C-alpha atoms as a PDB file:
ATOM      1  CA  MET A   1     -21.231  30.819 -43.088  1.00  0.00           C
ATOM      2  CA  ARG A   2     -17.975  29.913 -41.398  1.00  0.00           C
ATOM      3  CA  PHE A   3     -17.077  29.620 -37.722  1.00  0.00           C
ATOM      4  CA  ARG A   4     -14.078  28.253 -35.859  1.00  0.00           C
ATOM      5  CA  THR A   5     -14.038  25.837 -32.963  1.00  0.00           C
ATOM      6  CA  SER A   6     -11.074  24.976 -30.791  1.00  0.00           C
ATOM      7  CA  LYS A   7     -10.099  21.837 -32.728  1.00  0.00           C
ATOM      8  CA  HIS A   8     -11.202  22.255 -36.328  1.00  0.00           C
ATOM      9  CA  MET A   9     -13.088  24.466 -38.708  1.00  0.00           C
ATOM     10  CA  VAL A  10     -16.604  23.787 -39.929  1.00  0.00           C
ATOM     11  CA  CYS A  11     -17.755  25.462 -43.116  1.00  0.00           C
ATOM     12  CA  GLN A  12     -20.338  25.085 -45.844  1.00  0.00           C
ATOM     13  CA  ASN A  13     -19.382  24.059 -49.352  1.00  0.00           C
ATOM     14  CA  ARG A  14     -21.074  25.287 -52.532  1.00  0.00           C
ATOM     15  CA  VAL A  15     -24.068  23.009 -52.038  1.00  0.00           C
ATOM     16  CA  GLY A  16     -24.596  24.156 -48.466  1.00  0.00           C
ATOM     17  CA  VAL A  17     -23.449  20.913 -46.828  1.00  0.00           C
ATOM     18  CA  ARG A  18     -21.358  21.305 -43.701  1.00  0.00           C
ATOM     19  CA  VAL A  19     -17.812  20.068 -44.178  1.00  0.00           C
ATOM     20  CA  SER A  20     -15.104  19.594 -41.588  1.00  0.00           C
ATOM     21  CA  GLU A  21     -11.642  20.832 -42.544  1.00  0.00           C
ATOM     22  CA  LEU A  22      -8.734  19.754 -40.375  1.00  0.00           C
ATOM     23  CA  PRO A  23      -5.627  21.925 -40.487  1.00  0.00           C
ATOM     24  CA  ILE A  24      -2.564  20.157 -41.878  1.00  0.00           C
ATOM     25  CA  GLU A  25      -0.894  20.060 -38.439  1.00  0.00           C
ATOM     26  CA  ASP A  26      -3.828  18.143 -36.963  1.00  0.00           C
ATOM     27  CA  LEU A  27      -3.721  15.722 -39.892  1.00  0.00           C
ATOM     28  CA  VAL A  28       0.021  15.068 -39.476  1.00  0.00           C
ATOM     29  CA  PHE A  29      -0.090  14.666 -35.689  1.00  0.00           C
ATOM     30  CA  SER A  30      -3.240  12.585 -35.928  1.00  0.00           C
ATOM     31  CA  ALA A  31      -1.604  10.261 -38.468  1.00  0.00           C
ATOM     32  CA  GLY A  32       1.547  10.005 -36.358  1.00  0.00           C
ATOM     33  CA  GLY A  33      -0.383   9.222 -33.200  1.00  0.00           C
ATOM     34  CA  ARG A  34      -2.482   6.631 -34.965  1.00  0.00           C
ATOM     35  CA  PHE A  35       0.649   5.107 -36.502  1.00  0.00           C
ATOM     36  CA  LEU A  36       2.156   4.735 -33.032  1.00  0.00           C
ATOM     37  CA  PHE A  37      -1.090   3.282 -31.654  1.00  0.00           C
ATOM     38  CA  GLY A  38      -1.300   0.897 -34.618  1.00  0.00           C
ATOM     39  CA  ALA A  39       2.307  -0.221 -34.137  1.00  0.00           C
ATOM     40  CA  VAL A  40       1.728  -0.946 -30.451  1.00  0.00           C
ATOM     41  CA  ALA A  41      -1.528  -2.781 -31.212  1.00  0.00           C
ATOM     42  CA  GLY A  42       0.104  -4.884 -33.944  1.00  0.00           C
ATOM     43  CA  TYR A  43       3.024  -5.766 -31.698  1.00  0.00           C
ATOM     44  CA  ALA A  44       0.675  -6.760 -28.868  1.00  0.00           C
ATOM     45  CA  ILE A  45      -1.515  -8.859 -31.168  1.00  0.00           C
ATOM     46  CA  LYS A  46       1.528 -10.713 -32.477  1.00  0.00           C
ATOM     47  CA  LYS A  47       2.822 -11.399 -28.960  1.00  0.00           C
ATOM     48  CA  VAL A  48      -0.578 -12.678 -27.783  1.00  0.00           C
ATOM     49  CA  MET A  49      -0.743 -14.967 -30.819  1.00  0.00           C
ATOM     50  CA  LYS A  50       2.699 -16.349 -29.991  1.00  0.00           C
ATOM     51  CA  ILE A  51       1.736 -17.042 -26.385  1.00  0.00           C
ATOM     52  CA  ALA A  52      -1.473 -18.751 -27.513  1.00  0.00           C
ATOM     53  CA  ALA A  53       0.486 -20.913 -29.973  1.00  0.00           C
ATOM     54  CA  VAL A  54       2.919 -21.967 -27.236  1.00  0.00           C
ATOM     55  CA  VAL A  55       0.077 -22.823 -24.832  1.00  0.00           C
ATOM     56  CA  VAL A  56      -1.752 -24.883 -27.474  1.00  0.00           C
ATOM     57  CA  GLY A  57       1.507 -26.601 -28.448  1.00  0.00           C
ATOM     58  CA  LEU A  58       2.272 -27.531 -24.842  1.00  0.00           C
ATOM     59  CA  PHE A  59      -1.278 -28.841 -24.398  1.00  0.00           C
ATOM     60  CA  VAL A  60      -1.042 -31.070 -27.480  1.00  0.00           C
ATOM     61  CA  THR A  61       2.422 -32.248 -26.415  1.00  0.00           C
ATOM     62  CA  ALA A  62       1.099 -33.152 -22.958  1.00  0.00           C
ATOM     63  CA  LEU A  63      -1.809 -35.053 -24.535  1.00  0.00           C
ATOM     64  CA  ALA A  64       0.580 -36.945 -26.818  1.00  0.00           C
ATOM     65  CA  TYR A  65       2.868 -37.819 -23.899  1.00  0.00           C
ATOM     66  CA  LEU A  66      -0.009 -39.007 -21.700  1.00  0.00           C
ATOM     67  CA  SER A  67      -1.378 -41.023 -24.606  1.00  0.00           C
ATOM     68  CA  TYR A  68       2.067 -42.558 -25.253  1.00  0.00           C
ATOM     69  CA  LYS A  69       2.413 -43.573 -21.589  1.00  0.00           C
ATOM     70  CA  GLY A  70      -1.075 -45.141 -21.669  1.00  0.00           C
ATOM     71  CA  PHE A  71      -2.693 -42.865 -19.081  1.00  0.00           C
ATOM     72  CA  ILE A  72      -5.306 -41.554 -21.522  1.00  0.00           C
ATOM     73  CA  ASP A  73      -6.732 -42.606 -24.858  1.00  0.00           C
ATOM     74  CA  VAL A  74      -6.851 -39.673 -27.286  1.00  0.00           C
ATOM     75  CA  LYS A  75      -9.082 -39.897 -30.319  1.00  0.00           C
ATOM     76  CA  TRP A  76      -6.797 -37.988 -32.680  1.00  0.00           C
ATOM     77  CA  ILE A  77      -9.154 -38.173 -35.670  1.00  0.00           C
ATOM     78  CA  ALA A  78     -12.013 -36.635 -33.654  1.00  0.00           C
ATOM     79  CA  MET A  79      -9.646 -33.962 -32.310  1.00  0.00           C
ATOM     80  CA  GLU A  80      -8.425 -33.168 -35.823  1.00  0.00           C
ATOM     81  CA  ASN A  81     -11.994 -32.897 -37.125  1.00  0.00           C
ATOM     82  CA  ALA A  82     -13.061 -30.641 -34.242  1.00  0.00           C
ATOM     83  CA  THR A  83     -10.011 -28.409 -34.716  1.00  0.00           C
ATOM     84  CA  ARG A  84     -10.558 -28.180 -38.464  1.00  0.00           C
ATOM     85  CA  SER A  85     -14.232 -27.321 -37.923  1.00  0.00           C
ATOM     86  CA  ALA A  86     -13.418 -24.633 -35.345  1.00  0.00           C
ATOM     87  CA  LEU A  87     -10.754 -23.029 -37.550  1.00  0.00           C
ATOM     88  CA  THR A  88     -13.057 -23.084 -40.569  1.00  0.00           C
ATOM     89  CA  ASN A  89     -15.834 -21.431 -38.555  1.00  0.00           C
ATOM     90  CA  MET A  90     -13.473 -18.742 -37.223  1.00  0.00           C
ATOM     91  CA  ALA A  91     -12.156 -17.980 -40.692  1.00  0.00           C
ATOM     92  CA  GLY A  92     -15.689 -17.839 -42.084  1.00  0.00           C
ATOM     93  CA  GLN A  93     -16.798 -15.455 -39.340  1.00  0.00           C
ATOM     94  CA  ALA A  94     -13.799 -13.190 -39.931  1.00  0.00           C
ATOM     95  CA  VAL A  95     -14.483 -13.063 -43.676  1.00  0.00           C
ATOM     96  CA  HIS A  96     -18.172 -12.413 -43.015  1.00  0.00           C
ATOM     97  CA  ALA A  97     -17.363  -9.548 -40.630  1.00  0.00           C
ATOM     98  CA  LEU A  98     -14.956  -7.985 -43.135  1.00  0.00           C
ATOM     99  CA  ASN A  99     -17.490  -8.311 -45.941  1.00  0.00           C
ATOM    100  CA  ASP A 100     -20.210  -6.715 -43.809  1.00  0.00           C
ATOM    101  CA  THR A 101     -17.931  -3.815 -42.925  1.00  0.00           C
ATOM    102  CA  ALA A 102     -16.867  -3.303 -46.535  1.00  0.00           C
ATOM    103  CA  THR A 103     -20.492  -3.478 -47.681  1.00  0.00           C
ATOM    104  CA  GLN A 104     -21.498  -0.841 -45.131  1.00  0.00           C
ATOM    105  CA  PHE A 105     -18.781   1.544 -46.282  1.00  0.00           C
ATOM    106  CA  ALA A 106     -19.564   0.871 -49.950  1.00  0.00           C
ATOM    107  CA  ALA A 107     -23.289   1.439 -49.437  1.00  0.00           C
ATOM    108  CA  HIS A 108     -22.784   4.564 -47.319  1.00  0.00           C
ATOM    109  CA  PRO A 109     -19.550   6.304 -48.365  1.00  0.00           C
ATOM    110  CA  SER A 110     -20.413   9.288 -46.181  1.00  0.00           C
ATOM    111  CA  THR A 111     -20.233   7.016 -43.116  1.00  0.00           C
ATOM    112  CA  LEU A 112     -16.473   7.491 -42.945  1.00  0.00           C
ATOM    113  CA  ALA A 113     -16.764  11.259 -42.903  1.00  0.00           C
ATOM    114  CA  ALA A 114     -19.743  11.237 -40.530  1.00  0.00           C
ATOM    115  CA  SER A 115     -17.981   8.970 -38.064  1.00  0.00           C
ATOM    116  CA  GLY A 116     -15.214  11.522 -37.591  1.00  0.00           C
ATOM    117  CA  LEU A 117     -12.483   9.228 -38.914  1.00  0.00           C
ATOM    118  CA  PRO A 118     -10.151  11.374 -40.989  1.00  0.00           C
ATOM    119  CA  VAL A 119      -8.021  10.091 -43.798  1.00  0.00           C
ATOM    120  CA  ALA A 120      -5.211   9.914 -41.236  1.00  0.00           C
ATOM    121  CA  ALA A 121      -6.808   6.711 -39.949  1.00  0.00           C
ATOM    122  CA  MET A 122      -5.913   5.004 -43.203  1.00  0.00           C
ATOM    123  CA  PHE A 123      -2.475   6.566 -43.417  1.00  0.00           C
ATOM    124  CA  GLY A 124      -1.688   6.188 -39.722  1.00  0.00           C
ATOM    125  CA  PHE A 125      -3.228   3.226 -37.952  1.00  0.00           C
ATOM    126  CA  VAL A 126      -3.149   0.580 -40.693  1.00  0.00           C
ATOM    127  CA  PRO A 127       0.536   1.003 -41.646  1.00  0.00           C
ATOM    128  CA  GLY A 128       1.400   1.188 -37.945  1.00  0.00           C
ATOM    129  CA  LEU A 129      -0.526  -2.014 -37.330  1.00  0.00           C
ATOM    130  CA  MET A 130       1.390  -3.764 -40.111  1.00  0.00           C
ATOM    131  CA  VAL A 131       4.758  -2.498 -38.841  1.00  0.00           C
ATOM    132  CA  GLY A 132       3.954  -3.552 -35.275  1.00  0.00           C
ATOM    133  CA  PHE A 133       2.765  -6.939 -36.462  1.00  0.00           C
ATOM    134  CA  ARG A 134       5.970  -7.434 -38.451  1.00  0.00           C
ATOM    135  CA  LYS A 135       8.197  -6.374 -35.542  1.00  0.00           C
ATOM    136  CA  GLY A 136       6.561  -9.009 -33.344  1.00  0.00           C
ATOM    137  CA  VAL A 137       7.761 -11.786 -35.687  1.00  0.00           C
ATOM    138  CA  GLY A 138      11.377 -12.117 -34.592  1.00  0.00           C
ATOM    139  CA  VAL A 139      12.474 -14.055 -31.525  1.00  0.00           C
ATOM    140  CA  HIS A 140      13.937 -11.643 -28.965  1.00  0.00           C
END
């Protein structure tokens, strides 16, 4: 049994499971749109990271200056330990989140198809994200 909707076609394969088939035009435009969205997102992420680095750098510079002038007493060892601990925790949480996501997709490979994410997501958004992230590197 086959019927057409406005956006895509739904049909049954040999086993009787419903399968969504996107026309090639939708796949190309979907990949292009996701590439553009990924590029903008990567560029924005890179710019936000730069601003955060500048703010943190100015804060540490101000602390060093105030400590040098004798206005405050900074415990640099304690600050270094706290920073190291925070960065280690953030990295561990990021790795844990990525592992959980990968485990979910490995355990349920049909999740990708059921979620409505076409293959264009892999060929569009991720390369766009990398290009946008790379373009945010240079000083303009």
